[in-house]
Protein backbone atom coordinates (compact mmCIF):
# COMPACT_ATOMS: atom_id res chain seq x y z
CA MET A 1 4.77 22.31 13.61
CA SER A 2 3.45 18.78 12.48
CA ILE A 3 0.01 17.50 12.98
CA ILE A 4 0.20 13.70 13.93
CA ARG A 5 -2.90 12.08 13.58
CA THR A 6 -3.59 8.92 14.89
CA GLY A 7 -6.07 5.95 14.17
CA LYS A 8 -6.37 2.74 16.74
CA SER A 9 -8.05 -0.52 16.44
CA GLY A 10 -9.79 -2.10 18.78
CA PRO A 11 -8.07 -4.68 21.30
CA LEU A 12 -10.28 -7.76 20.24
CA LEU A 13 -9.51 -6.75 16.48
CA LEU A 14 -6.00 -6.55 17.41
CA LEU A 15 -5.93 -10.72 19.73
CA LEU A 16 -7.52 -11.99 16.65
CA MET A 17 -5.05 -9.75 14.19
CA LEU A 18 -2.02 -11.53 16.25
CA SER A 19 -3.40 -14.59 16.93
CA PHE A 20 -1.97 -15.80 13.22
CA GLY A 21 0.93 -12.84 12.89
CA VAL A 22 0.62 -9.29 12.58
CA THR A 23 2.64 -6.82 10.27
CA GLU A 24 2.33 -2.70 10.77
CA GLY A 25 2.07 0.00 8.50
CA LYS A 26 2.42 3.88 9.30
CA ASN A 27 2.05 6.29 6.71
CA ILE A 28 3.48 10.44 7.59
CA ASP A 29 2.67 12.85 5.02
CA ILE A 30 4.40 16.13 6.81
CA THR A 31 5.41 19.10 4.36
CA THR A 32 8.04 21.82 5.83
CA SER A 33 5.53 24.76 5.16
CA GLU A 34 2.89 24.85 7.48
CA GLY A 35 3.74 21.72 8.76
CA HIS A 36 0.20 19.25 7.91
CA ALA A 37 0.51 15.27 8.32
CA GLY A 38 -1.29 12.44 8.98
CA LYS A 39 -0.63 8.98 9.51
CA HIS A 40 -2.43 5.70 9.35
CA LYS A 41 -1.42 3.11 11.35
CA LEU A 42 -2.46 -0.78 9.56
CA ARG A 43 -2.77 -4.31 10.35
CA HIS A 44 -2.19 -7.34 8.46
CA ARG A 45 -0.82 -10.78 8.39
CA ILE A 46 -0.21 -14.09 6.04
CA ASN A 47 2.51 -16.94 6.54
CA ASP A 48 5.44 -17.31 5.79
CA THR A 49 6.31 -20.01 3.59
CA SER A 50 8.54 -21.67 0.92
CA THR A 51 6.69 -22.89 -1.48
CA TRP A 52 6.76 -19.91 -3.78
CA ALA A 53 8.39 -19.51 -6.77
CA GLN A 54 12.40 -19.00 -5.78
CA THR A 55 13.71 -17.75 -9.44
CA PRO A 56 13.53 -14.67 -10.25
CA PRO A 57 12.09 -13.84 -13.10
CA LYS A 58 14.87 -11.79 -15.59
CA TRP A 59 15.28 -8.25 -13.49
CA ASN A 60 18.34 -6.42 -14.07
CA ARG A 61 20.14 -7.52 -11.16
CA GLU A 62 22.52 -4.62 -11.90
CA SER A 63 19.47 -2.39 -11.45
CA ILE A 64 17.53 -3.57 -8.65
CA ASP A 65 20.30 -4.33 -5.83
CA THR A 66 21.14 -0.94 -4.45
CA THR A 67 22.53 -3.03 -1.55
CA SER A 68 26.54 -2.30 -3.17
CA GLY A 69 28.32 -1.28 0.00
CA ALA A 70 26.12 -1.78 2.66
CA ASP A 71 27.56 -3.46 5.02
CA TYR A 72 26.20 -2.87 7.92
CA MET A 73 22.94 -4.93 6.47
CA THR A 74 22.37 -8.99 6.74
CA GLU A 75 21.92 -10.85 3.75
CA THR A 76 18.33 -10.69 4.53
CA GLU A 77 17.51 -7.52 4.77
CA ARG A 78 19.12 -6.93 1.92
CA GLU A 79 16.92 -9.85 -0.43
CA VAL A 80 14.25 -7.37 1.04
CA VAL A 81 15.70 -4.21 -0.38
CA VAL A 82 16.04 -6.27 -3.68
CA GLU A 83 12.47 -7.60 -3.61
CA MET A 84 11.17 -4.48 -2.77
CA ASN A 85 13.28 -2.72 -5.33
CA MET A 86 11.68 -5.81 -8.30
CA MET A 87 8.38 -4.62 -7.44
CA ARG A 88 8.64 -1.00 -7.87
CA ARG A 89 10.95 -1.88 -11.29
CA ASP A 90 7.92 -3.73 -12.32
CA PRO A 91 5.14 -3.84 -10.33
CA PRO A 92 2.28 -5.81 -13.55
CA LEU A 93 5.92 -8.47 -13.44
CA TYR A 94 5.99 -8.29 -9.76
CA ALA A 95 2.62 -9.41 -9.63
CA GLN A 96 2.46 -11.95 -12.48
CA LYS A 97 5.13 -14.09 -11.03
CA TYR A 98 4.91 -13.76 -7.29
CA LEU A 99 1.59 -13.18 -6.66
CA ALA A 100 -0.85 -14.34 -9.30
CA PRO A 101 0.34 -17.86 -8.26
CA LEU A 102 -0.74 -17.61 -4.64
CA ARG A 103 -4.35 -17.39 -6.12
CA ALA A 104 -4.16 -21.59 -5.77
CA TYR A 105 -4.21 -21.61 -2.54
CA TYR A 106 -7.36 -19.96 -1.45
CA GLN A 107 -10.08 -21.89 -0.10
CA GLY A 108 -12.72 -19.77 0.71
CA ASP A 109 -11.59 -17.43 3.78
CA LEU A 110 -9.38 -19.65 4.22
CA LEU A 111 -5.22 -19.99 2.97
CA LYS A 112 -4.22 -22.80 2.46
CA TYR A 113 -0.74 -23.63 1.93
CA PRO A 114 0.78 -27.17 1.21
CA GLY A 115 2.02 -28.96 4.80
CA LYS A 116 0.83 -25.50 6.43
CA THR A 117 -1.60 -25.17 8.96
CA PRO A 118 -4.49 -23.19 7.03
CA ILE A 119 -4.35 -19.53 7.44
CA ALA A 120 -8.25 -17.35 8.41
CA THR A 121 -7.76 -14.28 5.92
CA ASN A 122 -10.95 -11.33 6.65
CA GLU A 123 -11.41 -10.99 2.79
CA GLY A 124 -9.64 -13.80 1.88
CA ILE A 125 -9.22 -14.26 -2.33
CA SER A 126 -10.11 -11.28 -3.28
CA ALA A 127 -7.29 -9.15 -1.37
CA LEU A 128 -5.11 -10.49 -3.51
CA GLU A 129 -7.13 -10.14 -6.75
CA GLU A 130 -7.71 -6.51 -5.51
CA CYS A 131 -3.57 -6.38 -4.82
CA ILE A 132 -2.88 -7.81 -8.52
CA ARG A 133 -4.90 -5.89 -10.50
CA GLU A 134 -3.50 -2.34 -8.53
CA LEU A 135 -0.34 -3.25 -9.80
CA LYS A 136 -0.71 -4.98 -13.07
CA HIS A 137 -2.18 -0.50 -14.23
CA ALA A 138 0.43 0.73 -11.27
CA LYS A 139 3.83 2.66 -12.82
CA PRO A 140 6.36 1.81 -12.53
CA ALA A 141 8.29 3.71 -8.91
CA PRO A 142 12.06 4.81 -8.00
CA CYS A 143 14.17 2.21 -7.10
CA LEU A 144 14.88 2.81 -3.08
CA SER A 145 18.31 3.02 -1.95
CA PRO A 146 19.52 2.15 2.00
CA CYS A 147 20.48 4.95 4.08
CA LYS A 148 22.37 3.97 7.10
CA GLY A 149 20.56 6.19 9.31
CA LEU A 150 16.88 5.12 8.47
CA ALA A 151 18.37 1.50 9.26
CA LEU A 152 20.16 2.74 12.47
CA SER A 153 16.42 3.91 13.31
CA ALA A 154 14.84 0.23 12.23
CA ARG A 155 17.36 -1.24 14.52
CA ASP A 156 15.88 0.75 18.02
CA HIS A 157 12.91 -0.66 17.53
CA VAL A 158 13.68 -4.20 16.67
CA ARG A 159 15.73 -3.94 19.12
CA ASP A 160 13.36 -2.61 21.59
CA GLN A 161 10.49 -4.17 20.89
CA GLY A 162 12.14 -8.03 20.22
CA GLN A 163 12.89 -7.47 24.34
CA THR A 164 9.65 -6.40 25.36
CA GLY A 165 7.45 -9.03 22.78
CA ALA A 166 5.38 -5.28 21.57
CA ILE A 167 4.24 -4.73 18.68
CA GLY A 168 4.05 -1.06 17.28
CA HIS A 169 5.18 2.21 15.93
CA THR A 170 5.85 3.42 20.18
CA GLY A 171 8.96 2.52 21.64
CA SER A 172 8.89 1.72 25.34
CA ASP A 173 10.89 4.77 25.76
CA GLY A 174 7.79 6.50 24.19
CA SER A 175 9.82 7.53 21.05
CA SER A 176 7.79 7.36 17.77
CA LEU A 177 8.79 7.08 14.02
CA VAL A 178 10.04 10.17 14.00
CA THR A 179 11.53 10.71 16.69
CA ARG A 180 13.34 7.85 15.57
CA LEU A 181 14.92 9.22 12.51
CA ASN A 182 15.65 12.47 14.67
CA ARG A 183 18.36 10.08 16.24
CA TYR A 184 20.22 9.59 13.14
CA GLY A 185 19.30 12.23 10.59
CA ARG A 186 17.14 14.46 9.45
CA TRP A 187 14.49 13.32 6.97
CA GLU A 188 13.43 14.87 3.70
CA ILE A 189 9.74 15.55 2.59
CA PHE A 190 7.67 12.70 3.89
CA ALA A 191 8.51 9.39 5.91
CA GLY A 192 6.81 6.09 7.09
CA GLU A 193 6.77 2.61 8.84
CA ASN A 194 6.18 -0.64 8.25
CA ILE A 195 6.91 -2.96 10.60
CA SER A 196 6.28 -6.92 9.99
CA TYR A 197 6.29 -9.20 12.61
CA GLY A 198 6.28 -13.44 11.91
CA TYR A 199 8.30 -13.97 8.88
CA SER A 200 12.17 -14.23 8.05
CA GLN A 201 11.85 -14.84 4.18
CA ALA A 202 11.57 -11.59 2.16
CA ARG A 203 9.84 -12.41 -0.39
CA ALA A 204 6.80 -13.63 2.24
CA ILE A 205 7.30 -10.25 3.70
CA VAL A 206 7.11 -7.54 1.13
CA ALA A 207 3.49 -9.73 -0.64
CA ALA A 208 2.26 -9.59 2.97
CA LEU A 209 2.99 -5.87 2.96
CA LEU A 210 1.06 -6.01 -0.24
CA ILE A 211 -1.59 -7.38 -0.27
CA ASP A 212 -2.81 -6.15 2.46
CA ASP A 213 -5.81 -8.25 4.08
CA GLY A 214 -8.10 -6.81 6.52
CA GLU A 215 -7.29 -3.50 6.29
CA PRO A 216 -8.93 -0.79 3.76
CA SER A 217 -6.03 1.86 2.99
CA ARG A 218 -4.30 -0.28 2.12
CA GLY A 219 -1.30 1.68 3.74
CA HIS A 220 1.68 -0.80 3.24
CA ARG A 221 0.65 -1.56 0.19
CA LYS A 222 0.94 2.72 -0.75
CA ASN A 223 4.07 2.99 1.27
CA LEU A 224 5.88 0.32 -0.65
CA LEU A 225 4.55 1.35 -4.63
CA ASN A 226 4.81 5.26 -3.32
CA ASN A 227 6.77 7.49 -5.51
CA SER A 228 8.33 10.15 -2.99
CA PHE A 229 10.53 7.52 -1.40
CA LYS A 230 13.49 7.29 -2.80
CA VAL A 231 15.76 5.66 0.71
CA VAL A 232 14.83 3.37 3.08
CA GLY A 233 16.64 1.45 6.44
CA VAL A 234 15.56 -2.32 6.42
CA ASP A 235 16.24 -4.31 10.67
CA ILE A 236 15.77 -7.28 10.91
CA GLY A 237 15.55 -9.10 13.80
CA PRO A 238 14.48 -11.64 17.11
CA HIS A 239 11.41 -10.97 18.96
CA ARG A 240 9.99 -12.57 21.41
CA GLU A 241 6.61 -13.32 20.90
CA TYR A 242 6.91 -13.95 16.65
CA GLY A 243 10.34 -14.95 16.50
CA LYS A 244 11.27 -11.70 13.35
CA MET A 245 9.91 -9.09 13.04
CA CYS A 246 11.36 -6.44 10.09
CA VAL A 247 11.04 -2.72 10.08
CA MET A 248 11.19 -0.49 7.05
CA ASP A 249 11.14 3.24 8.03
CA PHE A 250 10.85 4.74 4.34
CA ALA A 251 11.67 8.66 3.54
CA GLY A 252 11.95 11.31 0.40
CA GLY A 253 14.92 11.93 1.60
CA TYR A 254 18.00 11.63 4.33
CA SER A 255 20.76 13.29 6.11
CA SER A 256 22.69 11.37 8.03
CA LYS A 257 24.12 12.43 10.97
CA GLN A 258 27.84 10.97 10.77
CA SER A 259 29.34 10.72 14.12
CA LYS A 260 26.20 8.77 15.03
CA GLU A 261 26.48 6.07 13.14
């Protein structure tokens, strides 16, 4: 028997977050013995921008691109996996190449990308600086491998919320992350979920979750850096209110039900 403790933000805070776009993050830690679990439900925002440097550093593409054979994934979904693996393989280098340049766009609590509408942040540049410091001292984590069962779980949530315009981790049918994961297989050790709304570029999605502005527990960042996660499912689709949404479902391991794939 597992116990999941839920934290909720107030309605006013949620409304303010939604006005600039939202990402949701959840981390579930479940042991197989006594069945202890904990959950952090988090929100964050950042603008989707094309002003970042587009040329990647010299990571070995063969080592970070684990999507070979995953023909169920779109090109952008593949790039999300590659982007996460770039960061996990060398967090300090990722911070130097892709996060440090964002300093130039902060003016007080406003984030001003060239040609974009200014974004009001909760913490200003301090959340970015904290993220850079953490990544500079972070140890490498194993690359994530795509898993079709997890992708199907993520797809279910994207299709559901894309139509309803809802946000969060609970489906319109009352399903939780665990419910969706169990539809397609059996997950092992740890499971977690990050969701972004309003972003279409892989780097924008990953950077927003890493910076985690306004979230003291930095749950999105923890999911992305968690070395216990070995497999991931990513699905990106339309969202009625925010244009796009991306769901990332993580696990320490996953045994898919072949008949349901």
